[in-house]
């Protein structure tokens, strides 16, 4: 039996972190000894982030403060390279819909070509959060929609401040 620590990474832009993200992170924390929430500093597929990397990390640290085996770190490399850096053997992602599956299947295949020793684990979104995305929350906030049940109070307050500008 191995005494090696089981480490997972949960990558994303987290711009901002939602309750759906927190659901996946907390479920991963129950499965692994350590979970590193890997926050991409600048995404190749997404537009400029609304929140800077330091603020996104702070949101995550505050939201996961009750999870002793979770920490947040920025990264700007291939996720498999980051995983190796922190000693992770698995990448944990949430899946909401078929569209997520199609994208994640492609990413999984590319990651396997780069690092066949690193597995991908997909957790189905809880029904309560199957529709939830950071971009959807930002759009709601922009037009004055209610977001209190979708993000932490800290994130809701900051989104409302940013969207008033």
Protein backbone atom coordinates (compact mmCIF):
# COMPACT_ATOMS: atom_id res chain seq x y z
CA UNK A 1 0.00 0.00 0.00
CA UNK A 2 1.37 3.38 -1.05
CA UNK A 3 1.97 6.12 1.51
CA UNK A 4 2.43 8.69 -1.24
CA UNK A 5 0.11 11.69 -0.95
CA UNK A 6 -2.71 11.64 -3.52
CA UNK A 7 -2.76 15.10 -5.09
CA UNK A 8 -5.27 16.41 -7.65
CA UNK A 9 -5.45 19.67 -9.56
CA UNK A 10 -8.71 21.45 -10.44
CA UNK A 11 -7.79 23.87 -13.23
CA UNK A 12 -9.78 26.82 -14.51
CA UNK A 13 -9.91 30.55 -14.95
CA UNK A 14 -12.28 30.99 -11.98
CA UNK A 15 -13.31 34.43 -13.23
CA UNK A 16 -15.03 34.39 -10.81
CA UNK A 17 -15.36 31.23 -8.76
CA UNK A 18 -19.00 30.04 -8.58
CA UNK A 19 -20.86 27.74 -6.24
CA UNK A 20 -20.65 25.12 -9.00
CA UNK A 21 -16.85 25.34 -8.89
CA UNK A 22 -16.95 25.07 -5.11
CA UNK A 23 -19.13 21.97 -5.37
CA UNK A 24 -16.58 20.22 -7.61
CA UNK A 25 -13.63 21.37 -5.48
CA UNK A 26 -15.22 20.16 -2.24
CA UNK A 27 -16.13 16.81 -3.79
CA UNK A 28 -12.56 16.43 -5.07
CA UNK A 29 -11.26 17.33 -1.60
CA UNK A 30 -13.21 14.36 -0.21
CA UNK A 31 -11.49 12.04 -2.72
CA UNK A 32 -7.87 13.25 -2.54
CA UNK A 33 -5.36 14.05 0.18
CA UNK A 34 -4.65 17.43 -1.38
CA UNK A 35 -6.40 19.51 -4.04
CA UNK A 36 -4.62 22.35 -5.79
CA UNK A 37 -7.03 24.78 -7.42
CA UNK A 38 -4.97 25.78 -10.44
CA UNK A 39 -5.93 29.26 -11.62
CA UNK A 40 -4.83 30.04 -15.16
CA UNK A 41 -3.18 33.44 -15.26
CA UNK A 42 -4.10 34.14 -18.88
CA UNK A 43 -6.25 31.77 -20.89
CA UNK A 44 -5.59 31.10 -24.56
CA UNK A 45 -9.29 30.49 -25.24
CA UNK A 46 -10.99 33.14 -23.10
CA UNK A 47 -11.03 36.92 -23.26
CA UNK A 48 -9.30 39.13 -20.72
CA UNK A 49 -10.33 38.24 -17.17
CA UNK A 50 -12.64 40.60 -15.30
CA UNK A 51 -10.71 39.99 -12.07
CA UNK A 52 -6.94 39.94 -11.74
CA UNK A 53 -5.13 36.76 -10.73
CA UNK A 54 -4.51 37.91 -7.14
CA UNK A 55 -8.17 38.69 -6.56
CA UNK A 56 -9.30 35.39 -8.09
CA UNK A 57 -6.86 33.53 -5.82
CA UNK A 58 -8.16 35.46 -2.80
CA UNK A 59 -11.79 34.62 -3.70
CA UNK A 60 -10.85 30.92 -3.83
CA UNK A 61 -8.84 31.01 -0.61
CA UNK A 62 -11.74 32.63 1.25
CA UNK A 63 -14.35 30.31 -0.25
CA UNK A 64 -12.34 27.16 0.53
CA UNK A 65 -11.06 28.21 3.96
CA UNK A 66 -13.04 25.38 5.57
CA UNK A 67 -11.35 22.76 3.38
CA UNK A 68 -7.99 22.09 5.02
CA UNK A 69 -6.61 20.07 2.10
CA UNK A 70 -7.29 22.70 -0.58
CA UNK A 71 -5.00 25.46 -1.76
CA UNK A 72 -5.02 27.79 -4.76
CA UNK A 73 -2.07 28.52 -7.03
CA UNK A 74 -1.68 30.41 -10.30
CA UNK A 75 -0.26 28.72 -13.39
CA UNK A 76 0.67 29.73 -16.92
CA UNK A 77 1.94 26.47 -18.42
CA UNK A 78 0.34 23.35 -19.80
CA UNK A 79 -1.88 21.90 -17.07
CA UNK A 80 -0.03 18.58 -17.23
CA UNK A 81 3.27 20.39 -16.60
CA UNK A 82 1.71 22.22 -13.66
CA UNK A 83 0.31 18.94 -12.33
CA UNK A 84 3.79 17.40 -12.40
CA UNK A 85 5.22 20.46 -10.63
CA UNK A 86 2.85 20.02 -7.68
CA UNK A 87 3.10 16.21 -7.69
CA UNK A 88 -0.46 15.59 -8.93
CA UNK A 89 -1.38 12.46 -10.85
CA UNK A 90 -4.93 13.56 -11.70
CA UNK A 91 -6.75 16.52 -13.18
CA UNK A 92 -10.30 16.94 -11.83
CA UNK A 93 -12.89 18.83 -13.86
CA UNK A 94 -16.63 19.31 -13.63
CA UNK A 95 -19.00 18.48 -16.49
CA UNK A 96 -22.32 20.26 -16.91
CA UNK A 97 -23.56 19.41 -20.39
CA UNK A 98 -22.75 17.66 -23.66
CA UNK A 99 -20.90 20.78 -24.84
CA UNK A 100 -18.55 20.48 -21.84
CA UNK A 101 -17.99 16.82 -22.65
CA UNK A 102 -17.00 17.52 -26.25
CA UNK A 103 -14.45 20.15 -25.23
CA UNK A 104 -13.11 18.06 -22.32
CA UNK A 105 -12.77 14.94 -24.50
CA UNK A 106 -10.54 16.89 -26.87
CA UNK A 107 -8.49 18.37 -24.00
CA UNK A 108 -8.16 14.93 -22.38
CA UNK A 109 -6.78 13.43 -25.59
CA UNK A 110 -4.26 16.26 -25.99
CA UNK A 111 -3.22 15.98 -22.33
CA UNK A 112 -2.80 12.19 -22.67
CA UNK A 113 -0.46 12.74 -25.61
CA UNK A 114 1.65 15.08 -23.50
CA UNK A 115 1.48 13.15 -20.23
CA UNK A 116 0.03 9.62 -20.35
CA UNK A 117 0.83 9.20 -16.65
CA UNK A 118 -1.64 11.90 -15.59
CA UNK A 119 -5.30 10.90 -15.48
CA UNK A 120 -8.37 13.06 -15.93
CA UNK A 121 -11.36 12.63 -13.64
CA UNK A 122 -14.69 14.21 -14.48
CA UNK A 123 -17.33 14.90 -11.86
CA UNK A 124 -20.88 15.43 -13.07
CA UNK A 125 -22.28 18.78 -11.98
CA UNK A 126 -24.74 18.62 -9.13
CA UNK A 127 -28.26 19.29 -10.50
CA UNK A 128 -28.39 22.57 -8.60
CA UNK A 129 -25.38 23.86 -10.57
CA UNK A 130 -25.71 22.13 -13.94
CA UNK A 131 -26.49 25.44 -15.65
CA UNK A 132 -23.98 27.60 -13.80
CA UNK A 133 -20.98 29.27 -15.45
CA UNK A 134 -18.77 32.23 -14.61
CA UNK A 135 -19.77 33.94 -17.86
CA UNK A 136 -23.46 33.47 -17.06
CA UNK A 137 -22.98 34.97 -13.59
CA UNK A 138 -21.12 37.95 -15.07
CA UNK A 139 -23.92 38.51 -17.57
CA UNK A 140 -26.56 38.39 -14.84
CA UNK A 141 -24.55 40.84 -12.73
CA UNK A 142 -24.12 43.19 -15.70
CA UNK A 143 -27.88 43.49 -16.09
CA UNK A 144 -28.74 43.61 -12.40
CA UNK A 145 -29.85 39.99 -12.02
CA UNK A 146 -29.83 38.15 -8.70
CA UNK A 147 -26.57 36.25 -8.17
CA UNK A 148 -26.56 35.73 -4.39
CA UNK A 149 -27.29 31.99 -4.68
CA UNK A 150 -24.69 31.46 -7.42
CA UNK A 151 -21.49 32.84 -5.85
CA UNK A 152 -20.13 33.71 -2.42
CA UNK A 153 -21.22 37.02 -0.89
CA UNK A 154 -17.70 38.42 -1.42
CA UNK A 155 -17.79 37.59 -5.13
CA UNK A 156 -21.36 38.92 -5.49
CA UNK A 157 -20.36 42.24 -3.92
CA UNK A 158 -17.27 42.61 -6.14
CA UNK A 159 -19.18 41.64 -9.28
CA UNK A 160 -21.82 44.26 -8.54
CA UNK A 161 -19.09 46.86 -8.01
CA UNK A 162 -17.33 45.95 -11.27
CA UNK A 163 -20.51 45.83 -13.30
CA UNK A 164 -21.54 49.35 -12.18
CA UNK A 165 -18.45 50.78 -13.88
